[in-house]
């Protein structure tokens, strides 16, 4: 897609702080992080949003979700992380290229969260 910022990042036309790349996936740090660790994982294939997926996308979606835990751990999130997928205008999607935000960092709300014993 010619005007897609994520396609341009994947193609190397826009610089990024890359986390990971293989034949199907690309991961890079968000330029406006919401937390100490905030990166995105995208399929290299341009898919506008999660609402646009069908059974033909199952292999790349499966690979994407199977990779999230490994990438989160490699970025310093061994104890957990948040995943966010914004879908469509109402879902507050800003870039229309499917992407999963991985967000985490120190337990800043530790006093408010129940602890496993």
PDB file of N, CA and C in Angstrom:
ATOM      1  N   UNK A   1       0.854  -1.172   0.000  1.00  0.00           N
ATOM      2  CA  UNK A   1       0.000   0.000   0.000  1.00  0.00           C
ATOM      3  C   UNK A   1       0.900   1.235   0.000  1.00  0.00           C
ATOM      4  N   UNK A   2       0.720   2.120  -0.940  1.00  0.00           N
ATOM      5  CA  UNK A   2       1.619   3.251  -1.150  1.00  0.00           C
ATOM      6  C   UNK A   2       1.649   4.266  -0.017  1.00  0.00           C
ATOM      7  N   UNK A   3       0.524   4.559   0.607  1.00  0.00           N
ATOM      8  CA  UNK A   3       0.471   5.604   1.615  1.00  0.00           C
ATOM      9  C   UNK A   3       0.467   5.079   3.053  1.00  0.00           C
ATOM     10  N   UNK A   4       0.689   3.800   3.250  1.00  0.00           N
ATOM     11  CA  UNK A   4       0.660   3.202   4.586  1.00  0.00           C
ATOM     12  C   UNK A   4       2.009   3.401   5.279  1.00  0.00           C
ATOM     13  N   UNK A   5       1.984   4.086   6.409  1.00  0.00           N
ATOM     14  CA  UNK A   5       3.223   4.362   7.136  1.00  0.00           C
ATOM     15  C   UNK A   5       3.914   3.070   7.600  1.00  0.00           C
ATOM     16  N   UNK A   6       3.135   2.053   7.997  1.00  0.00           N
ATOM     17  CA  UNK A   6       3.756   0.808   8.438  1.00  0.00           C
ATOM     18  C   UNK A   6       4.377   0.058   7.267  1.00  0.00           C
ATOM     19  N   UNK A   7       3.756   0.104   6.106  1.00  0.00           N
ATOM     20  CA  UNK A   7       4.366  -0.510   4.917  1.00  0.00           C
ATOM     21  C   UNK A   7       5.685   0.181   4.594  1.00  0.00           C
ATOM     22  N   UNK A   8       5.737   1.499   4.766  1.00  0.00           N
ATOM     23  CA  UNK A   8       6.969   2.251   4.518  1.00  0.00           C
ATOM     24  C   UNK A   8       8.042   1.895   5.545  1.00  0.00           C
ATOM     25  N   UNK A   9       7.654   1.689   6.787  1.00  0.00           N
ATOM     26  CA  UNK A   9       8.610   1.259   7.822  1.00  0.00           C
ATOM     27  C   UNK A   9       9.155  -0.121   7.475  1.00  0.00           C
ATOM     28  N   UNK A  10       8.282  -1.041   7.117  1.00  0.00           N
ATOM     29  CA  UNK A  10       8.688  -2.404   6.749  1.00  0.00           C
ATOM     30  C   UNK A  10       9.650  -2.373   5.565  1.00  0.00           C
ATOM     31  N   UNK A  11       9.391  -1.497   4.593  1.00  0.00           N
ATOM     32  CA  UNK A  11      10.224  -1.398   3.391  1.00  0.00           C
ATOM     33  C   UNK A  11      11.541  -0.664   3.650  1.00  0.00           C
ATOM     34  N   UNK A  12      11.716  -0.116   4.845  1.00  0.00           N
ATOM     35  CA  UNK A  12      12.938   0.609   5.169  1.00  0.00           C
ATOM     36  C   UNK A  12      12.939   2.055   4.699  1.00  0.00           C
ATOM     37  N   UNK A  13      11.802   2.553   4.255  1.00  0.00           N
ATOM     38  CA  UNK A  13      11.702   3.934   3.782  1.00  0.00           C
ATOM     39  C   UNK A  13      11.603   4.934   4.926  1.00  0.00           C
ATOM     40  N   UNK A  14      11.152   4.467   6.080  1.00  0.00           N
ATOM     41  CA  UNK A  14      11.060   5.286   7.288  1.00  0.00           C
ATOM     42  C   UNK A  14      11.838   4.553   8.371  1.00  0.00           C
ATOM     43  N   UNK A  15      12.768   5.240   9.037  1.00  0.00           N
ATOM     44  CA  UNK A  15      13.550   4.554  10.066  1.00  0.00           C
ATOM     45  C   UNK A  15      12.704   4.172  11.278  1.00  0.00           C
ATOM     46  N   UNK A  16      13.143   3.118  11.954  1.00  0.00           N
ATOM     47  CA  UNK A  16      12.469   2.674  13.177  1.00  0.00           C
ATOM     48  C   UNK A  16      13.502   1.979  14.060  1.00  0.00           C
ATOM     49  N   UNK A  17      13.092   1.745  15.279  1.00  0.00           N
ATOM     50  CA  UNK A  17      13.901   0.946  16.197  1.00  0.00           C
ATOM     51  C   UNK A  17      13.338  -0.473  16.142  1.00  0.00           C
ATOM     52  N   UNK A  18      13.954  -1.288  15.280  1.00  0.00           N
ATOM     53  CA  UNK A  18      13.428  -2.622  15.004  1.00  0.00           C
ATOM     54  C   UNK A  18      13.672  -3.564  16.175  1.00  0.00           C
ATOM     55  N   UNK A  19      12.663  -4.377  16.457  1.00  0.00           N
ATOM     56  CA  UNK A  19      12.726  -5.419  17.482  1.00  0.00           C
ATOM     57  C   UNK A  19      12.957  -6.777  16.841  1.00  0.00           C
ATOM     58  N   UNK A  20      12.292  -7.025  15.710  1.00  0.00           N
ATOM     59  CA  UNK A  20      12.310  -8.360  15.104  1.00  0.00           C
ATOM     60  C   UNK A  20      11.830  -8.262  13.659  1.00  0.00           C
ATOM     61  N   UNK A  21      12.339  -9.193  12.836  1.00  0.00           N
ATOM     62  CA  UNK A  21      11.854  -9.302  11.467  1.00  0.00           C
ATOM     63  C   UNK A  21      12.073 -10.724  10.972  1.00  0.00           C
ATOM     64  N   UNK A  22      11.082 -11.255  10.270  1.00  0.00           N
ATOM     65  CA  UNK A  22      11.231 -12.507   9.541  1.00  0.00           C
ATOM     66  C   UNK A  22      10.473 -12.350   8.222  1.00  0.00           C
ATOM     67  N   UNK A  23      10.227 -13.417   7.522  1.00  0.00           N
ATOM     68  CA  UNK A  23       9.563 -13.328   6.218  1.00  0.00           C
ATOM     69  C   UNK A  23       8.136 -12.798   6.300  1.00  0.00           C
ATOM     70  N   UNK A  24       7.467 -12.982   7.442  1.00  0.00           N
ATOM     71  CA  UNK A  24       6.055 -12.638   7.569  1.00  0.00           C
ATOM     72  C   UNK A  24       5.745 -11.507   8.536  1.00  0.00           C
ATOM     73  N   UNK A  25       6.628 -11.275   9.503  1.00  0.00           N
ATOM     74  CA  UNK A  25       6.340 -10.338  10.589  1.00  0.00           C
ATOM     75  C   UNK A  25       7.417  -9.272  10.722  1.00  0.00           C
ATOM     76  N   UNK A  26       7.025  -8.150  11.287  1.00  0.00           N
ATOM     77  CA  UNK A  26       7.949  -7.058  11.569  1.00  0.00           C
ATOM     78  C   UNK A  26       7.530  -6.460  12.899  1.00  0.00           C
ATOM     79  N   UNK A  27       8.492  -6.224  13.793  1.00  0.00           N
ATOM     80  CA  UNK A  27       8.192  -5.628  15.095  1.00  0.00           C
ATOM     81  C   UNK A  27       9.117  -4.443  15.321  1.00  0.00           C
ATOM     82  N   UNK A  28       8.557  -3.375  15.871  1.00  0.00           N
ATOM     83  CA  UNK A  28       9.339  -2.157  16.089  1.00  0.00           C
ATOM     84  C   UNK A  28       8.746  -1.363  17.251  1.00  0.00           C
ATOM     85  N   UNK A  29       9.597  -0.540  17.871  1.00  0.00           N
ATOM     86  CA  UNK A  29       9.172   0.278  19.001  1.00  0.00           C
ATOM     87  C   UNK A  29       8.266   1.415  18.548  1.00  0.00           C
ATOM     88  N   UNK A  30       7.267   1.703  19.366  1.00  0.00           N
ATOM     89  CA  UNK A  30       6.348   2.802  19.115  1.00  0.00           C
ATOM     90  C   UNK A  30       7.090   4.124  19.306  1.00  0.00           C
ATOM     91  N   UNK A  31       6.831   5.098  18.437  1.00  0.00           N
ATOM     92  CA  UNK A  31       7.521   6.389  18.572  1.00  0.00           C
ATOM     93  C   UNK A  31       6.925   7.253  19.688  1.00  0.00           C
ATOM     94  N   UNK A  32       5.730   6.913  20.155  1.00  0.00           N
ATOM     95  CA  UNK A  32       5.099   7.614  21.279  1.00  0.00           C
ATOM     96  C   UNK A  32       4.709   6.592  22.339  1.00  0.00           C
ATOM     97  N   UNK A  33       5.699   6.041  23.054  1.00  0.00           N
ATOM     98  CA  UNK A  33       5.396   4.941  23.989  1.00  0.00           C
ATOM     99  C   UNK A  33       4.477   5.350  25.132  1.00  0.00           C
ATOM    100  N   UNK A  34       3.581   4.415  25.485  1.00  0.00           N
ATOM    101  CA  UNK A  34       2.654   4.601  26.602  1.00  0.00           C
ATOM    102  C   UNK A  34       3.214   4.031  27.900  1.00  0.00           C
ATOM    103  N   UNK A  35       4.326   3.318  27.809  1.00  0.00           N
ATOM    104  CA  UNK A  35       4.904   2.629  28.967  1.00  0.00           C
ATOM    105  C   UNK A  35       6.397   2.465  28.710  1.00  0.00           C
ATOM    106  N   UNK A  36       7.156   2.024  29.724  1.00  0.00           N
ATOM    107  CA  UNK A  36       8.587   1.822  29.531  1.00  0.00           C
ATOM    108  C   UNK A  36       8.916   0.902  28.351  1.00  0.00           C
ATOM    109  N   UNK A  37       8.081  -0.108  28.118  1.00  0.00           N
ATOM    110  CA  UNK A  37       8.239  -0.969  26.946  1.00  0.00           C
ATOM    111  C   UNK A  37       6.955  -0.858  26.135  1.00  0.00           C
ATOM    112  N   UNK A  38       7.090  -0.472  24.879  1.00  0.00           N
ATOM    113  CA  UNK A  38       5.928  -0.346  23.999  1.00  0.00           C
ATOM    114  C   UNK A  38       6.406  -0.547  22.566  1.00  0.00           C
ATOM    115  N   UNK A  39       6.051  -1.688  22.013  1.00  0.00           N
ATOM    116  CA  UNK A  39       6.396  -1.958  20.628  1.00  0.00           C
ATOM    117  C   UNK A  39       5.194  -2.569  19.921  1.00  0.00           C
ATOM    118  N   UNK A  40       5.293  -2.658  18.607  1.00  0.00           N
ATOM    119  CA  UNK A  40       4.201  -3.197  17.806  1.00  0.00           C
ATOM    120  C   UNK A  40       4.702  -4.336  16.949  1.00  0.00           C
ATOM    121  N   UNK A  41       3.829  -5.288  16.722  1.00  0.00           N
ATOM    122  CA  UNK A  41       4.112  -6.403  15.820  1.00  0.00           C
ATOM    123  C   UNK A  41       3.075  -6.336  14.711  1.00  0.00           C
ATOM    124  N   UNK A  42       3.552  -6.367  13.469  1.00  0.00           N
ATOM    125  CA  UNK A  42       2.666  -6.248  12.312  1.00  0.00           C
ATOM    126  C   UNK A  42       2.967  -7.361  11.317  1.00  0.00           C
ATOM    127  N   UNK A  43       1.961  -7.806  10.592  1.00  0.00           N
ATOM    128  CA  UNK A  43       2.253  -8.687   9.462  1.00  0.00           C
ATOM    129  C   UNK A  43       2.860  -7.842   8.346  1.00  0.00           C
ATOM    130  N   UNK A  44       3.805  -8.396   7.615  1.00  0.00           N
ATOM    131  CA  UNK A  44       4.371  -7.658   6.486  1.00  0.00           C
ATOM    132  C   UNK A  44       3.326  -7.468   5.390  1.00  0.00           C
ATOM    133  N   UNK A  45       2.463  -8.448   5.239  1.00  0.00           N
ATOM    134  CA  UNK A  45       1.364  -8.322   4.278  1.00  0.00           C
ATOM    135  C   UNK A  45       0.436  -7.217   4.760  1.00  0.00           C
ATOM    136  N   UNK A  46       0.071  -6.315   3.876  1.00  0.00           N
ATOM    137  CA  UNK A  46      -0.828  -5.243   4.278  1.00  0.00           C
ATOM    138  C   UNK A  46      -2.234  -5.806   4.471  1.00  0.00           C
ATOM    139  N   UNK A  47      -2.680  -5.772   5.717  1.00  0.00           N
ATOM    140  CA  UNK A  47      -4.049  -6.121   6.094  1.00  0.00           C
ATOM    141  C   UNK A  47      -4.550  -4.891   6.842  1.00  0.00           C
ATOM    142  N   UNK A  48      -5.600  -4.269   6.375  1.00  0.00           N
ATOM    143  CA  UNK A  48      -6.032  -2.984   6.922  1.00  0.00           C
ATOM    144  C   UNK A  48      -6.376  -3.051   8.410  1.00  0.00           C
ATOM    145  N   UNK A  49      -7.114  -4.069   8.818  1.00  0.00           N
ATOM    146  CA  UNK A  49      -7.511  -4.172  10.222  1.00  0.00           C
ATOM    147  C   UNK A  49      -7.930  -5.598  10.531  1.00  0.00           C
ATOM    148  N   UNK A  50      -8.128  -5.872  11.792  1.00  0.00           N
ATOM    149  CA  UNK A  50      -8.589  -7.189  12.205  1.00  0.00           C
ATOM    150  C   UNK A  50      -9.945  -7.506  11.587  1.00  0.00           C
ATOM    151  N   UNK A  51     -10.751  -6.484  11.355  1.00  0.00           N
ATOM    152  CA  UNK A  51     -12.071  -6.674  10.745  1.00  0.00           C
ATOM    153  C   UNK A  51     -11.978  -7.133   9.292  1.00  0.00           C
ATOM    154  N   UNK A  52     -10.814  -6.998   8.693  1.00  0.00           N
ATOM    155  CA  UNK A  52     -10.619  -7.384   7.293  1.00  0.00           C
ATOM    156  C   UNK A  52     -10.067  -8.800   7.136  1.00  0.00           C
ATOM    157  N   UNK A  53      -9.818  -9.483   8.234  1.00  0.00           N
ATOM    158  CA  UNK A  53      -9.213 -10.812   8.144  1.00  0.00           C
ATOM    159  C   UNK A  53     -10.250 -11.877   7.831  1.00  0.00           C
ATOM    160  N   UNK A  54      -9.771 -12.969   7.252  1.00  0.00           N
ATOM    161  CA  UNK A  54     -10.602 -14.138   6.996  1.00  0.00           C
ATOM    162  C   UNK A  54      -9.727 -15.376   7.156  1.00  0.00           C
ATOM    163  N   UNK A  55     -10.249 -16.526   6.814  1.00  0.00           N
ATOM    164  CA  UNK A  55      -9.522 -17.784   7.014  1.00  0.00           C
ATOM    165  C   UNK A  55      -8.184 -17.815   6.281  1.00  0.00           C
ATOM    166  N   UNK A  56      -8.062 -17.082   5.186  1.00  0.00           N
ATOM    167  CA  UNK A  56      -6.792 -17.081   4.451  1.00  0.00           C
ATOM    168  C   UNK A  56      -5.658 -16.426   5.243  1.00  0.00           C
ATOM    169  N   UNK A  57      -6.002 -15.634   6.243  1.00  0.00           N
ATOM    170  CA  UNK A  57      -4.993 -14.964   7.067  1.00  0.00           C
ATOM    171  C   UNK A  57      -4.582 -15.785   8.293  1.00  0.00           C
ATOM    172  N   UNK A  58      -5.217 -16.914   8.502  1.00  0.00           N
ATOM    173  CA  UNK A  58      -4.954 -17.719   9.703  1.00  0.00           C
ATOM    174  C   UNK A  58      -3.473 -18.053   9.897  1.00  0.00           C
ATOM    175  N   UNK A  59      -2.738 -18.459   8.873  1.00  0.00           N
ATOM    176  CA  UNK A  59      -1.319 -18.784   9.115  1.00  0.00           C
ATOM    177  C   UNK A  59      -0.503 -17.611   9.652  1.00  0.00           C
ATOM    178  N   UNK A  60      -0.646 -16.429   9.067  1.00  0.00           N
ATOM    179  CA  UNK A  60       0.145 -15.295   9.537  1.00  0.00           C
ATOM    180  C   UNK A  60      -0.346 -14.798  10.896  1.00  0.00           C
ATOM    181  N   UNK A  61      -1.655 -14.846  11.135  1.00  0.00           N
ATOM    182  CA  UNK A  61      -2.168 -14.435  12.446  1.00  0.00           C
ATOM    183  C   UNK A  61      -1.715 -15.396  13.531  1.00  0.00           C
ATOM    184  N   UNK A  62      -1.730 -16.680  13.236  1.00  0.00           N
ATOM    185  CA  UNK A  62      -1.245 -17.668  14.192  1.00  0.00           C
ATOM    186  C   UNK A  62       0.221 -17.455  14.507  1.00  0.00           C
ATOM    187  N   UNK A  63       1.013 -17.211  13.490  1.00  0.00           N
ATOM    188  CA  UNK A  63       2.444 -16.958  13.685  1.00  0.00           C
ATOM    189  C   UNK A  63       2.654 -15.696  14.513  1.00  0.00           C
ATOM    190  N   UNK A  64       1.880 -14.653  14.210  1.00  0.00           N
ATOM    191  CA  UNK A  64       2.004 -13.398  14.943  1.00  0.00           C
ATOM    192  C   UNK A  64       1.730 -13.617  16.436  1.00  0.00           C
ATOM    193  N   UNK A  65       0.599 -14.240  16.752  1.00  0.00           N
ATOM    194  CA  UNK A  65       0.261 -14.431  18.162  1.00  0.00           C
ATOM    195  C   UNK A  65       1.204 -15.404  18.860  1.00  0.00           C
ATOM    196  N   UNK A  66       1.708 -16.385  18.154  1.00  0.00           N
ATOM    197  CA  UNK A  66       2.657 -17.328  18.746  1.00  0.00           C
ATOM    198  C   UNK A  66       3.988 -16.654  19.062  1.00  0.00           C
ATOM    199  N   UNK A  67       4.308 -15.577  18.389  1.00  0.00           N
ATOM    200  CA  UNK A  67       5.590 -14.884  18.565  1.00  0.00           C
ATOM    201  C   UNK A  67       5.551 -13.831  19.670  1.00  0.00           C
ATOM    202  N   UNK A  68       4.375 -13.375  20.069  1.00  0.00           N
ATOM    203  CA  UNK A  68       4.264 -12.256  21.004  1.00  0.00           C
ATOM    204  C   UNK A  68       4.968 -12.494  22.333  1.00  0.00           C
ATOM    205  N   UNK A  69       4.780 -13.648  22.927  1.00  0.00           N
ATOM    206  CA  UNK A  69       5.397 -13.922  24.230  1.00  0.00           C
ATOM    207  C   UNK A  69       6.917 -13.891  24.162  1.00  0.00           C
ATOM    208  N   UNK A  70       7.473 -14.514  23.143  1.00  0.00           N
ATOM    209  CA  UNK A  70       8.933 -14.518  22.968  1.00  0.00           C
ATOM    210  C   UNK A  70       9.472 -13.094  22.799  1.00  0.00           C
ATOM    211  N   UNK A  71       8.799 -12.303  21.970  1.00  0.00           N
ATOM    212  CA  UNK A  71       9.258 -10.932  21.753  1.00  0.00           C
ATOM    213  C   UNK A  71       9.126 -10.090  23.014  1.00  0.00           C
ATOM    214  N   UNK A  72       8.021 -10.246  23.736  1.00  0.00           N
ATOM    215  CA  UNK A  72       7.834  -9.499  24.983  1.00  0.00           C
ATOM    216  C   UNK A  72       8.949  -9.833  25.975  1.00  0.00           C
ATOM    217  N   UNK A  73       9.253 -11.101  26.129  1.00  0.00           N
ATOM    218  CA  UNK A  73      10.346 -11.499  27.035  1.00  0.00           C
ATOM    219  C   UNK A  73      11.678 -10.913  26.587  1.00  0.00           C
ATOM    220  N   UNK A  74      11.919 -10.907  25.274  1.00  0.00           N
ATOM    221  CA  UNK A  74      13.187 -10.373  24.762  1.00  0.00           C
ATOM    222  C   UNK A  74      13.319  -8.876  25.001  1.00  0.00           C
ATOM    223  N   UNK A  75      12.203  -8.203  25.221  1.00  0.00           N
ATOM    224  CA  UNK A  75      12.209  -6.760  25.461  1.00  0.00           C
ATOM    225  C   UNK A  75      12.092  -6.413  26.948  1.00  0.00           C
ATOM    226  N   UNK A  76      12.239  -7.419  27.805  1.00  0.00           N
ATOM    227  CA  UNK A  76      12.269  -7.169  29.240  1.00  0.00           C
ATOM    228  C   UNK A  76      10.936  -7.309  29.942  1.00  0.00           C
ATOM    229  N   UNK A  77      10.033  -8.099  29.383  1.00  0.00           N
ATOM    230  CA  UNK A  77       8.719  -8.292  29.995  1.00  0.00           C
ATOM    231  C   UNK A  77       8.478  -9.767  30.324  1.00  0.00           C
ATOM    232  N   UNK A  78       9.276 -10.352  31.219  1.00  0.00           N
ATOM    233  CA  UNK A  78       9.132 -11.778  31.505  1.00  0.00           C
ATOM    234  C   UNK A  78       7.911 -12.130  32.352  1.00  0.00           C
ATOM    235  N   UNK A  79       7.355 -11.152  33.057  1.00  0.00           N
ATOM    236  CA  UNK A  79       6.266 -11.428  33.992  1.00  0.00           C
ATOM    237  C   UNK A  79       4.886 -11.057  33.476  1.00  0.00           C
ATOM    238  N   UNK A  80       4.812 -10.596  32.236  1.00  0.00           N
ATOM    239  CA  UNK A  80       3.512 -10.260  31.669  1.00  0.00           C
ATOM    240  C   UNK A  80       3.547  -8.955  30.899  1.00  0.00           C
ATOM    241  N   UNK A  81       2.510  -8.754  30.128  1.00  0.00           N
ATOM    242  CA  UNK A  81       2.421  -7.585  29.265  1.00  0.00           C
ATOM    243  C   UNK A  81       0.974  -7.432  28.819  1.00  0.00           C
ATOM    244  N   UNK A  82       0.679  -6.291  28.258  1.00  0.00           N
ATOM    245  CA  UNK A  82      -0.651  -6.015  27.741  1.00  0.00           C
ATOM    246  C   UNK A  82      -0.594  -6.034  26.217  1.00  0.00           C
ATOM    247  N   UNK A  83      -1.600  -6.620  25.601  1.00  0.00           N
ATOM    248  CA  UNK A  83      -1.720  -6.577  24.147  1.00  0.00           C
ATOM    249  C   UNK A  83      -2.933  -5.726  23.805  1.00  0.00           C
ATOM    250  N   UNK A  84      -2.767  -4.890  22.790  1.00  0.00           N
ATOM    251  CA  UNK A  84      -3.854  -4.005  22.370  1.00  0.00           C
ATOM    252  C   UNK A  84      -3.955  -4.073  20.857  1.00  0.00           C
ATOM    253  N   UNK A  85      -5.174  -4.307  20.368  1.00  0.00           N
ATOM    254  CA  UNK A  85      -5.449  -4.240  18.934  1.00  0.00           C
ATOM    255  C   UNK A  85      -6.633  -3.292  18.762  1.00  0.00           C
ATOM    256  N   UNK A  86      -6.383  -2.130  18.206  1.00  0.00           N
ATOM    257  CA  UNK A  86      -7.453  -1.188  17.897  1.00  0.00           C
ATOM    258  C   UNK A  86      -7.975  -1.527  16.508  1.00  0.00           C
ATOM    259  N   UNK A  87      -9.291  -1.631  16.367  1.00  0.00           N
ATOM    260  CA  UNK A  87      -9.882  -2.050  15.100  1.00  0.00           C
ATOM    261  C   UNK A  87     -10.935  -1.052  14.636  1.00  0.00           C
ATOM    262  N   UNK A  88     -10.664  -0.430  13.508  1.00  0.00           N
ATOM    263  CA  UNK A  88     -11.615   0.494  12.909  1.00  0.00           C
ATOM    264  C   UNK A  88     -11.693   1.831  13.614  1.00  0.00           C
ATOM    265  N   UNK A  89     -12.450   2.742  13.021  1.00  0.00           N
ATOM    266  CA  UNK A  89     -12.588   4.095  13.552  1.00  0.00           C
ATOM    267  C   UNK A  89     -13.127   4.097  14.978  1.00  0.00           C
ATOM    268  N   UNK A  90     -14.179   3.348  15.217  1.00  0.00           N
ATOM    269  CA  UNK A  90     -14.783   3.315  16.547  1.00  0.00           C
ATOM    270  C   UNK A  90     -13.838   2.655  17.558  1.00  0.00           C
ATOM    271  N   UNK A  91     -13.018   1.731  17.095  1.00  0.00           N
ATOM    272  CA  UNK A  91     -12.025   1.093  17.954  1.00  0.00           C
ATOM    273  C   UNK A  91     -10.741   1.899  18.095  1.00  0.00           C
ATOM    274  N   UNK A  92     -10.763   3.128  17.571  1.00  0.00           N
ATOM    275  CA  UNK A  92      -9.655   4.079  17.667  1.00  0.00           C
ATOM    276  C   UNK A  92      -8.390   3.642  16.936  1.00  0.00           C
ATOM    277  N   UNK A  93      -8.568   2.912  15.850  1.00  0.00           N
ATOM    278  CA  UNK A  93      -7.420   2.549  15.025  1.00  0.00           C
ATOM    279  C   UNK A  93      -6.963   3.788  14.272  1.00  0.00           C
ATOM    280  N   UNK A  94      -5.688   4.120  14.379  1.00  0.00           N
ATOM    281  CA  UNK A  94      -5.152   5.304  13.712  1.00  0.00           C
ATOM    282  C   UNK A  94      -4.412   4.958  12.433  1.00  0.00           C
ATOM    283  N   UNK A  95      -3.687   3.848  12.430  1.00  0.00           N
ATOM    284  CA  UNK A  95      -2.965   3.403  11.239  1.00  0.00           C
ATOM    285  C   UNK A  95      -3.674   2.160  10.727  1.00  0.00           C
ATOM    286  N   UNK A  96      -4.129   2.223   9.495  1.00  0.00           N
ATOM    287  CA  UNK A  96      -4.893   1.114   8.928  1.00  0.00           C
ATOM    288  C   UNK A  96      -3.980   0.072   8.286  1.00  0.00           C
ATOM    289  N   UNK A  97      -3.196  -0.540   9.152  1.00  0.00           N
ATOM    290  CA  UNK A  97      -2.382  -1.728   8.875  1.00  0.00           C
ATOM    291  C   UNK A  97      -2.448  -2.496  10.186  1.00  0.00           C
ATOM    292  N   UNK A  98      -2.993  -3.687  10.158  1.00  0.00           N
ATOM    293  CA  UNK A  98      -3.174  -4.478  11.370  1.00  0.00           C
ATOM    294  C   UNK A  98      -1.896  -4.476  12.199  1.00  0.00           C
ATOM    295  N   UNK A  99      -2.027  -4.185  13.486  1.00  0.00           N
ATOM    296  CA  UNK A  99      -0.880  -4.194  14.382  1.00  0.00           C
ATOM    297  C   UNK A  99      -1.315  -4.502  15.805  1.00  0.00           C
ATOM    298  N   UNK A 100      -0.416  -5.155  16.515  1.00  0.00           N
ATOM    299  CA  UNK A 100      -0.642  -5.497  17.916  1.00  0.00           C
ATOM    300  C   UNK A 100       0.351  -4.696  18.741  1.00  0.00           C
ATOM    301  N   UNK A 101      -0.159  -3.887  19.659  1.00  0.00           N
ATOM    302  CA  UNK A 101       0.698  -3.165  20.596  1.00  0.00           C
ATOM    303  C   UNK A 101       1.052  -4.116  21.741  1.00  0.00           C
ATOM    304  N   UNK A 102       2.311  -4.140  22.116  1.00  0.00           N
ATOM    305  CA  UNK A 102       2.781  -4.852  23.309  1.00  0.00           C
ATOM    306  C   UNK A 102       3.255  -3.773  24.273  1.00  0.00           C
ATOM    307  N   UNK A 103       2.630  -3.727  25.445  1.00  0.00           N
ATOM    308  CA  UNK A 103       2.889  -2.655  26.393  1.00  0.00           C
ATOM    309  C   UNK A 103       3.187  -3.264  27.759  1.00  0.00           C
ATOM    310  N   UNK A 104       4.198  -2.741  28.422  1.00  0.00           N
ATOM    311  CA  UNK A 104       4.498  -3.227  29.767  1.00  0.00           C
ATOM    312  C   UNK A 104       5.651  -2.473  30.386  1.00  0.00           C
ATOM    313  N   UNK A 105       6.032  -2.951  31.531  1.00  0.00           N
ATOM    314  CA  UNK A 105       7.132  -2.344  32.254  1.00  0.00           C
ATOM    315  C   UNK A 105       6.982  -2.632  33.726  1.00  0.00           C
ATOM    316  N   UNK A 106       7.679  -1.865  34.535  1.00  0.00           N
ATOM    317  CA  UNK A 106       7.594  -2.094  35.981  1.00  0.00           C
ATOM    318  C   UNK A 106       6.152  -2.061  36.479  1.00  0.00           C
ATOM    319  N   UNK A 107       5.897  -2.846  37.482  1.00  0.00           N
ATOM    320  CA  UNK A 107       4.553  -2.935  38.067  1.00  0.00           C
ATOM    321  C   UNK A 107       4.269  -1.649  38.837  1.00  0.00           C
ATOM    322  N   UNK A 108       3.796  -0.640  38.140  1.00  0.00           N
ATOM    323  CA  UNK A 108       3.547   0.664  38.747  1.00  0.00           C
ATOM    324  C   UNK A 108       2.288   0.682  39.606  1.00  0.00           C
ATOM    325  N   UNK A 109       1.412  -0.289  39.409  1.00  0.00           N
ATOM    326  CA  UNK A 109       0.172  -0.345  40.178  1.00  0.00           C
ATOM    327  C   UNK A 109       0.173  -1.516  41.151  1.00  0.00           C
ATOM    328  N   UNK A 110       1.354  -1.955  41.544  1.00  0.00           N
ATOM    329  CA  UNK A 110       1.480  -3.137  42.381  1.00  0.00           C
ATOM    330  C   UNK A 110       0.667  -3.100  43.645  1.00  0.00           C
ATOM    331  N   UNK A 111       0.517  -1.960  44.246  1.00  0.00           N
ATOM    332  CA  UNK A 111      -0.252  -1.855  45.476  1.00  0.00           C
ATOM    333  C   UNK A 111      -1.760  -2.016  45.226  1.00  0.00           C
ATOM    334  N   UNK A 112      -2.195  -1.920  43.971  1.00  0.00           N
ATOM    335  CA  UNK A 112      -3.618  -2.010  43.660  1.00  0.00           C
ATOM    336  C   UNK A 112      -4.015  -3.364  43.087  1.00  0.00           C
ATOM    337  N   UNK A 113      -3.044  -4.156  42.704  1.00  0.00           N
ATOM    338  CA  UNK A 113      -3.330  -5.427  42.056  1.00  0.00           C
ATOM    339  C   UNK A 113      -3.210  -6.573  43.044  1.00  0.00           C
ATOM    340  N   UNK A 114      -4.125  -7.545  42.981  1.00  0.00           N
ATOM    341  CA  UNK A 114      -3.997  -8.702  43.873  1.00  0.00           C
ATOM    342  C   UNK A 114      -2.762  -9.511  43.496  1.00  0.00           C
ATOM    343  N   UNK A 115      -2.139 -10.079  44.465  1.00  0.00           N
ATOM    344  CA  UNK A 115      -0.925 -10.883  44.262  1.00  0.00           C
ATOM    345  C   UNK A 115      -1.270 -12.349  44.343  1.00  0.00           C
ATOM    346  N   UNK A 116      -0.658 -13.133  43.479  1.00  0.00           N
ATOM    347  CA  UNK A 116      -0.772 -14.600  43.583  1.00  0.00           C
ATOM    348  C   UNK A 116       0.052 -15.046  44.773  1.00  0.00           C
ATOM    349  N   UNK A 117      -0.472 -15.981  45.525  1.00  0.00           N
ATOM    350  CA  UNK A 117       0.258 -16.462  46.711  1.00  0.00           C
ATOM    351  C   UNK A 117       0.812 -17.827  46.483  1.00  0.00           C
TER     352      UNK A 117
END
